[in-house]
Amino acid sequence: MATKLTTTVRLDPEDADALARARAAGHSASDLIRKGLRIAAARYYKRRRPPTTGLFVSTSLKLGDESELFRELER
């Protein structure tokens, strides 16, 4: 297993409040930050992978795939 880097992230008050609400809803702060980083930095990975958070799951066939939201990042 790869070693993980430990770093400090400074959050604006509204981001800290949103993170606290997400933690209260049962989400891990570390996982949310990692998923957000993957989306924001998707174009900088050496081996590109489609950004996905797994947060948006739908059984409706009328809705598009989550990866369609990030098509511009692949260009």
PDB file of N, CA and C in Angstrom:
ATOM      1  N   MET A   1       0.840  -1.172   0.000  1.00  0.00           N
ATOM      2  CA  MET A   1       0.000   0.000   0.000  1.00  0.00           C
ATOM      3  C   MET A   1       0.888   1.240   0.000  1.00  0.00           C
ATOM      4  N   ALA A   2       0.536   2.225  -0.794  1.00  0.00           N
ATOM      5  CA  ALA A   2       1.328   3.444  -0.908  1.00  0.00           C
ATOM      6  C   ALA A   2       1.215   4.283   0.359  1.00  0.00           C
ATOM      7  N   THR A   3       2.288   4.975   0.664  1.00  0.00           N
ATOM      8  CA  THR A   3       2.287   5.874   1.809  1.00  0.00           C
ATOM      9  C   THR A   3       1.501   7.128   1.465  1.00  0.00           C
ATOM     10  N   LYS A   4       0.680   7.590   2.371  1.00  0.00           N
ATOM     11  CA  LYS A   4      -0.115   8.787   2.134  1.00  0.00           C
ATOM     12  C   LYS A   4       0.614   9.998   2.694  1.00  0.00           C
ATOM     13  N   LEU A   5       0.494  11.103   1.993  1.00  0.00           N
ATOM     14  CA  LEU A   5       1.083  12.374   2.393  1.00  0.00           C
ATOM     15  C   LEU A   5       0.134  13.068   3.368  1.00  0.00           C
ATOM     16  N   THR A   6       0.670  13.594   4.423  1.00  0.00           N
ATOM     17  CA  THR A   6      -0.122  14.364   5.374  1.00  0.00           C
ATOM     18  C   THR A   6       0.129  15.840   5.116  1.00  0.00           C
ATOM     19  N   THR A   7      -0.937  16.614   5.026  1.00  0.00           N
ATOM     20  CA  THR A   7      -0.806  18.042   4.770  1.00  0.00           C
ATOM     21  C   THR A   7      -1.883  18.797   5.537  1.00  0.00           C
ATOM     22  N   THR A   8      -1.727  20.096   5.612  1.00  0.00           N
ATOM     23  CA  THR A   8      -2.701  20.954   6.278  1.00  0.00           C
ATOM     24  C   THR A   8      -3.485  21.714   5.223  1.00  0.00           C
ATOM     25  N   VAL A   9      -4.789  21.752   5.383  1.00  0.00           N
ATOM     26  CA  VAL A   9      -5.649  22.495   4.469  1.00  0.00           C
ATOM     27  C   VAL A   9      -6.339  23.579   5.275  1.00  0.00           C
ATOM     28  N   ARG A  10      -6.197  24.816   4.849  1.00  0.00           N
ATOM     29  CA  ARG A  10      -6.859  25.932   5.527  1.00  0.00           C
ATOM     30  C   ARG A  10      -8.164  26.218   4.797  1.00  0.00           C
ATOM     31  N   LEU A  11      -9.259  26.202   5.548  1.00  0.00           N
ATOM     32  CA  LEU A  11     -10.582  26.368   4.963  1.00  0.00           C
ATOM     33  C   LEU A  11     -11.179  27.709   5.335  1.00  0.00           C
ATOM     34  N   ASP A  12     -11.926  28.277   4.397  1.00  0.00           N
ATOM     35  CA  ASP A  12     -12.715  29.466   4.703  1.00  0.00           C
ATOM     36  C   ASP A  12     -13.823  29.048   5.664  1.00  0.00           C
ATOM     37  N   PRO A  13     -14.352  29.990   6.442  1.00  0.00           N
ATOM     38  CA  PRO A  13     -15.378  29.630   7.431  1.00  0.00           C
ATOM     39  C   PRO A  13     -16.580  28.902   6.836  1.00  0.00           C
ATOM     40  N   GLU A  14     -17.056  29.337   5.653  1.00  0.00           N
ATOM     41  CA  GLU A  14     -18.223  28.674   5.073  1.00  0.00           C
ATOM     42  C   GLU A  14     -17.893  27.246   4.622  1.00  0.00           C
ATOM     43  N   ASP A  15     -16.645  27.022   4.181  1.00  0.00           N
ATOM     44  CA  ASP A  15     -16.235  25.663   3.813  1.00  0.00           C
ATOM     45  C   ASP A  15     -16.113  24.781   5.056  1.00  0.00           C
ATOM     46  N   ALA A  16     -15.599  25.347   6.140  1.00  0.00           N
ATOM     47  CA  ALA A  16     -15.477  24.596   7.389  1.00  0.00           C
ATOM     48  C   ALA A  16     -16.862  24.223   7.925  1.00  0.00           C
ATOM     49  N   ASP A  17     -17.816  25.140   7.798  1.00  0.00           N
ATOM     50  CA  ASP A  17     -19.188  24.850   8.233  1.00  0.00           C
ATOM     51  C   ASP A  17     -19.805  23.732   7.395  1.00  0.00           C
ATOM     52  N   ALA A  18     -19.594  23.791   6.077  1.00  0.00           N
ATOM     53  CA  ALA A  18     -20.129  22.749   5.187  1.00  0.00           C
ATOM     54  C   ALA A  18     -19.488  21.404   5.511  1.00  0.00           C
ATOM     55  N   LEU A  19     -18.194  21.406   5.787  1.00  0.00           N
ATOM     56  CA  LEU A  19     -17.504  20.164   6.130  1.00  0.00           C
ATOM     57  C   LEU A  19     -18.030  19.604   7.453  1.00  0.00           C
ATOM     58  N   ALA A  20     -18.301  20.466   8.412  1.00  0.00           N
ATOM     59  CA  ALA A  20     -18.852  20.021   9.698  1.00  0.00           C
ATOM     60  C   ALA A  20     -20.242  19.400   9.508  1.00  0.00           C
ATOM     61  N   ARG A  21     -21.058  19.998   8.626  1.00  0.00           N
ATOM     62  CA  ARG A  21     -22.388  19.436   8.358  1.00  0.00           C
ATOM     63  C   ARG A  21     -22.268  18.084   7.654  1.00  0.00           C
ATOM     64  N   ALA A  22     -21.298  17.962   6.746  1.00  0.00           N
ATOM     65  CA  ALA A  22     -21.087  16.688   6.054  1.00  0.00           C
ATOM     66  C   ALA A  22     -20.635  15.614   7.039  1.00  0.00           C
ATOM     67  N   ARG A  23     -19.760  15.984   7.978  1.00  0.00           N
ATOM     68  CA  ARG A  23     -19.313  15.019   8.993  1.00  0.00           C
ATOM     69  C   ARG A  23     -20.481  14.602   9.873  1.00  0.00           C
ATOM     70  N   ALA A  24     -21.344  15.554  10.220  1.00  0.00           N
ATOM     71  CA  ALA A  24     -22.520  15.236  11.041  1.00  0.00           C
ATOM     72  C   ALA A  24     -23.464  14.288  10.305  1.00  0.00           C
ATOM     73  N   ALA A  25     -23.434  14.349   8.968  1.00  0.00           N
ATOM     74  CA  ALA A  25     -24.277  13.463   8.154  1.00  0.00           C
ATOM     75  C   ALA A  25     -23.619  12.105   7.932  1.00  0.00           C
ATOM     76  N   GLY A  26     -22.410  11.923   8.494  1.00  0.00           N
ATOM     77  CA  GLY A  26     -21.769  10.619   8.423  1.00  0.00           C
ATOM     78  C   GLY A  26     -20.663  10.481   7.390  1.00  0.00           C
ATOM     79  N   HIS A  27     -20.265  11.581   6.760  1.00  0.00           N
ATOM     80  CA  HIS A  27     -19.199  11.528   5.757  1.00  0.00           C
ATOM     81  C   HIS A  27     -17.845  11.808   6.416  1.00  0.00           C
ATOM     82  N   SER A  28     -16.829  11.127   5.963  1.00  0.00           N
ATOM     83  CA  SER A  28     -15.482  11.345   6.473  1.00  0.00           C
ATOM     84  C   SER A  28     -14.892  12.608   5.843  1.00  0.00           C
ATOM     85  N   ALA A  29     -14.361  13.503   6.660  1.00  0.00           N
ATOM     86  CA  ALA A  29     -13.761  14.735   6.155  1.00  0.00           C
ATOM     87  C   ALA A  29     -12.607  14.417   5.213  1.00  0.00           C
ATOM     88  N   SER A  30     -11.778  13.465   5.570  1.00  0.00           N
ATOM     89  CA  SER A  30     -10.634  13.099   4.729  1.00  0.00           C
ATOM     90  C   SER A  30     -11.090  12.590   3.370  1.00  0.00           C
ATOM     91  N   ASP A  31     -12.103  11.742   3.364  1.00  0.00           N
ATOM     92  CA  ASP A  31     -12.596  11.207   2.092  1.00  0.00           C
ATOM     93  C   ASP A  31     -13.188  12.302   1.217  1.00  0.00           C
ATOM     94  N   LEU A  32     -13.939  13.218   1.819  1.00  0.00           N
ATOM     95  CA  LEU A  32     -14.517  14.309   1.035  1.00  0.00           C
ATOM     96  C   LEU A  32     -13.427  15.178   0.415  1.00  0.00           C
ATOM     97  N   ILE A  33     -12.395  15.490   1.185  1.00  0.00           N
ATOM     98  CA  ILE A  33     -11.311  16.327   0.669  1.00  0.00           C
ATOM     99  C   ILE A  33     -10.554  15.588  -0.431  1.00  0.00           C
ATOM    100  N   ARG A  34     -10.301  14.297  -0.246  1.00  0.00           N
ATOM    101  CA  ARG A  34      -9.616  13.516  -1.292  1.00  0.00           C
ATOM    102  C   ARG A  34     -10.428  13.472  -2.577  1.00  0.00           C
ATOM    103  N   LYS A  35     -11.731  13.252  -2.460  1.00  0.00           N
ATOM    104  CA  LYS A  35     -12.588  13.195  -3.645  1.00  0.00           C
ATOM    105  C   LYS A  35     -12.636  14.548  -4.354  1.00  0.00           C
ATOM    106  N   GLY A  36     -12.715  15.616  -3.581  1.00  0.00           N
ATOM    107  CA  GLY A  36     -12.707  16.953  -4.176  1.00  0.00           C
ATOM    108  C   GLY A  36     -11.404  17.243  -4.895  1.00  0.00           C
ATOM    109  N   LEU A  37     -10.307  16.824  -4.313  1.00  0.00           N
ATOM    110  CA  LEU A  37      -9.002  17.012  -4.957  1.00  0.00           C
ATOM    111  C   LEU A  37      -8.927  16.239  -6.268  1.00  0.00           C
ATOM    112  N   ARG A  38      -9.424  15.020  -6.273  1.00  0.00           N
ATOM    113  CA  ARG A  38      -9.403  14.219  -7.505  1.00  0.00           C
ATOM    114  C   ARG A  38     -10.168  14.909  -8.624  1.00  0.00           C
ATOM    115  N   ILE A  39     -11.284  15.509  -8.287  1.00  0.00           N
ATOM    116  CA  ILE A  39     -12.073  16.207  -9.302  1.00  0.00           C
ATOM    117  C   ILE A  39     -11.353  17.466  -9.771  1.00  0.00           C
ATOM    118  N   ALA A  40     -10.878  18.270  -8.820  1.00  0.00           N
ATOM    119  CA  ALA A  40     -10.246  19.533  -9.173  1.00  0.00           C
ATOM    120  C   ALA A  40      -8.921  19.350  -9.904  1.00  0.00           C
ATOM    121  N   ALA A  41      -8.178  18.298  -9.573  1.00  0.00           N
ATOM    122  CA  ALA A  41      -6.846  18.108 -10.149  1.00  0.00           C
ATOM    123  C   ALA A  41      -6.799  16.984 -11.176  1.00  0.00           C
ATOM    124  N   ALA A  42      -7.949  16.579 -11.696  1.00  0.00           N
ATOM    125  CA  ALA A  42      -8.007  15.428 -12.605  1.00  0.00           C
ATOM    126  C   ALA A  42      -7.075  15.571 -13.798  1.00  0.00           C
ATOM    127  N   ARG A  43      -6.945  16.767 -14.330  1.00  0.00           N
ATOM    128  CA  ARG A  43      -6.101  16.938 -15.522  1.00  0.00           C
ATOM    129  C   ARG A  43      -4.614  16.850 -15.217  1.00  0.00           C
ATOM    130  N   TYR A  44      -4.231  16.864 -13.960  1.00  0.00           N
ATOM    131  CA  TYR A  44      -2.810  16.856 -13.598  1.00  0.00           C
ATOM    132  C   TYR A  44      -2.278  15.478 -13.221  1.00  0.00           C
ATOM    133  N   TYR A  45      -3.147  14.476 -13.166  1.00  0.00           N
ATOM    134  CA  TYR A  45      -2.683  13.132 -12.860  1.00  0.00           C
ATOM    135  C   TYR A  45      -1.869  12.596 -14.033  1.00  0.00           C
ATOM    136  N   LYS A  46      -0.841  11.807 -13.743  1.00  0.00           N
ATOM    137  CA  LYS A  46      -0.024  11.230 -14.807  1.00  0.00           C
ATOM    138  C   LYS A  46      -0.842  10.256 -15.630  1.00  0.00           C
ATOM    139  N   ARG A  47      -1.523   9.358 -14.968  1.00  0.00           N
ATOM    140  CA  ARG A  47      -2.430   8.428 -15.652  1.00  0.00           C
ATOM    141  C   ARG A  47      -3.828   8.937 -15.429  1.00  0.00           C
ATOM    142  N   ARG A  48      -4.391   9.510 -16.470  1.00  0.00           N
ATOM    143  CA  ARG A  48      -5.714  10.115 -16.311  1.00  0.00           C
ATOM    144  C   ARG A  48      -6.757   9.075 -15.960  1.00  0.00           C
ATOM    145  N   ARG A  49      -7.599   9.448 -15.040  1.00  0.00           N
ATOM    146  CA  ARG A  49      -8.740   8.614 -14.689  1.00  0.00           C
ATOM    147  C   ARG A  49      -9.955   9.529 -14.669  1.00  0.00           C
ATOM    148  N   PRO A  50     -11.084   9.039 -15.064  1.00  0.00           N
ATOM    149  CA  PRO A  50     -12.255   9.904 -15.061  1.00  0.00           C
ATOM    150  C   PRO A  50     -12.606  10.302 -13.634  1.00  0.00           C
ATOM    151  N   PRO A  51     -12.794  11.589 -13.398  1.00  0.00           N
ATOM    152  CA  PRO A  51     -13.134  12.008 -12.038  1.00  0.00           C
ATOM    153  C   PRO A  51     -14.482  11.466 -11.624  1.00  0.00           C
ATOM    154  N   THR A  52     -14.531  10.939 -10.437  1.00  0.00           N
ATOM    155  CA  THR A  52     -15.785  10.438  -9.898  1.00  0.00           C
ATOM    156  C   THR A  52     -15.755  10.555  -8.381  1.00  0.00           C
ATOM    157  N   THR A  53     -16.874  10.890  -7.825  1.00  0.00           N
ATOM    158  CA  THR A  53     -16.961  10.989  -6.370  1.00  0.00           C
ATOM    159  C   THR A  53     -17.784   9.862  -5.795  1.00  0.00           C
ATOM    160  N   GLY A  54     -18.636   9.276  -6.628  1.00  0.00           N
ATOM    161  CA  GLY A  54     -19.522   8.228  -6.126  1.00  0.00           C
ATOM    162  C   GLY A  54     -20.654   8.789  -5.281  1.00  0.00           C
ATOM    163  N   LEU A  55     -20.765  10.112  -5.236  1.00  0.00           N
ATOM    164  CA  LEU A  55     -21.808  10.731  -4.421  1.00  0.00           C
ATOM    165  C   LEU A  55     -23.141  10.804  -5.155  1.00  0.00           C
ATOM    166  N   PHE A  56     -23.098  10.755  -6.488  1.00  0.00           N
ATOM    167  CA  PHE A  56     -24.306  10.916  -7.271  1.00  0.00           C
ATOM    168  C   PHE A  56     -24.666   9.594  -7.919  1.00  0.00           C
ATOM    169  N   VAL A  57     -25.656   8.931  -7.373  1.00  0.00           N
ATOM    170  CA  VAL A  57     -26.099   7.650  -7.893  1.00  0.00           C
ATOM    171  C   VAL A  57     -27.586   7.764  -8.180  1.00  0.00           C
ATOM    172  N   SER A  58     -27.971   7.400  -9.393  1.00  0.00           N
ATOM    173  CA  SER A  58     -29.372   7.488  -9.761  1.00  0.00           C
ATOM    174  C   SER A  58     -29.781   6.228 -10.498  1.00  0.00           C
ATOM    175  N   THR A  59     -31.001   5.850 -10.310  1.00  0.00           N
ATOM    176  CA  THR A  59     -31.530   4.701 -11.042  1.00  0.00           C
ATOM    177  C   THR A  59     -32.368   5.158 -12.223  1.00  0.00           C
ATOM    178  N   SER A  60     -32.511   6.465 -12.391  1.00  0.00           N
ATOM    179  CA  SER A  60     -33.308   7.010 -13.483  1.00  0.00           C
ATOM    180  C   SER A  60     -32.520   6.947 -14.786  1.00  0.00           C
ATOM    181  N   LEU A  61     -33.113   6.388 -15.815  1.00  0.00           N
ATOM    182  CA  LEU A  61     -32.459   6.314 -17.116  1.00  0.00           C
ATOM    183  C   LEU A  61     -32.465   7.660 -17.831  1.00  0.00           C
ATOM    184  N   LYS A  62     -33.268   8.617 -17.345  1.00  0.00           N
ATOM    185  CA  LYS A  62     -33.346   9.932 -17.966  1.00  0.00           C
ATOM    186  C   LYS A  62     -32.167  10.821 -17.581  1.00  0.00           C
ATOM    187  N   LEU A  63     -31.462  10.473 -16.516  1.00  0.00           N
ATOM    188  CA  LEU A  63     -30.339  11.278 -16.059  1.00  0.00           C
ATOM    189  C   LEU A  63     -29.051  10.771 -16.684  1.00  0.00           C
ATOM    190  N   GLY A  64     -28.103  11.696 -16.920  1.00  0.00           N
ATOM    191  CA  GLY A  64     -26.836  11.319 -17.524  1.00  0.00           C
ATOM    192  C   GLY A  64     -25.870  10.729 -16.521  1.00  0.00           C
ATOM    193  N   ASP A  65     -24.766  10.267 -17.028  1.00  0.00           N
ATOM    194  CA  ASP A  65     -23.699   9.702 -16.219  1.00  0.00           C
ATOM    195  C   ASP A  65     -22.938  10.841 -15.540  1.00  0.00           C
ATOM    196  N   GLU A  66     -22.506  10.631 -14.313  1.00  0.00           N
ATOM    197  CA  GLU A  66     -21.754  11.653 -13.569  1.00  0.00           C
ATOM    198  C   GLU A  66     -20.507  12.096 -14.332  1.00  0.00           C
ATOM    199  N   SER A  67     -19.852  11.202 -15.058  1.00  0.00           N
ATOM    200  CA  SER A  67     -18.620  11.549 -15.762  1.00  0.00           C
ATOM    201  C   SER A  67     -18.862  12.591 -16.845  1.00  0.00           C
ATOM    202  N   GLU A  68     -20.105  12.716 -17.331  1.00  0.00           N
ATOM    203  CA  GLU A  68     -20.404  13.717 -18.343  1.00  0.00           C
ATOM    204  C   GLU A  68     -20.226  15.136 -17.797  1.00  0.00           C
ATOM    205  N   LEU A  69     -20.322  15.303 -16.489  1.00  0.00           N
ATOM    206  CA  LEU A  69     -20.137  16.617 -15.879  1.00  0.00           C
ATOM    207  C   LEU A  69     -18.718  17.130 -16.033  1.00  0.00           C
ATOM    208  N   PHE A  70     -17.773  16.220 -16.233  1.00  0.00           N
ATOM    209  CA  PHE A  70     -16.373  16.591 -16.228  1.00  0.00           C
ATOM    210  C   PHE A  70     -15.685  16.346 -17.565  1.00  0.00           C
ATOM    211  N   ARG A  71     -16.459  16.341 -18.649  1.00  0.00           N
ATOM    212  CA  ARG A  71     -15.890  16.099 -19.983  1.00  0.00           C
ATOM    213  C   ARG A  71     -14.817  17.107 -20.325  1.00  0.00           C
ATOM    214  N   GLU A  72     -14.998  18.393 -19.945  1.00  0.00           N
ATOM    215  CA  GLU A  72     -14.034  19.432 -20.306  1.00  0.00           C
ATOM    216  C   GLU A  72     -12.672  19.180 -19.672  1.00  0.00           C
ATOM    217  N   LEU A  73     -12.630  18.502 -18.525  1.00  0.00           N
ATOM    218  CA  LEU A  73     -11.364  18.235 -17.855  1.00  0.00           C
ATOM    219  C   LEU A  73     -10.497  17.265 -18.638  1.00  0.00           C
ATOM    220  N   GLU A  74     -11.109  16.460 -19.478  1.00  0.00           N
ATOM    221  CA  GLU A  74     -10.358  15.445 -20.231  1.00  0.00           C
ATOM    222  C   GLU A  74      -9.711  16.013 -21.473  1.00  0.00           C
ATOM    223  N   ARG A  75     -10.021  17.234 -21.827  1.00  0.00           N
ATOM    224  CA  ARG A  75      -9.468  17.832 -23.048  1.00  0.00           C
ATOM    225  C   ARG A  75      -8.130  18.455 -22.828  1.00  0.00           C
TER     226      ARG A  75
END
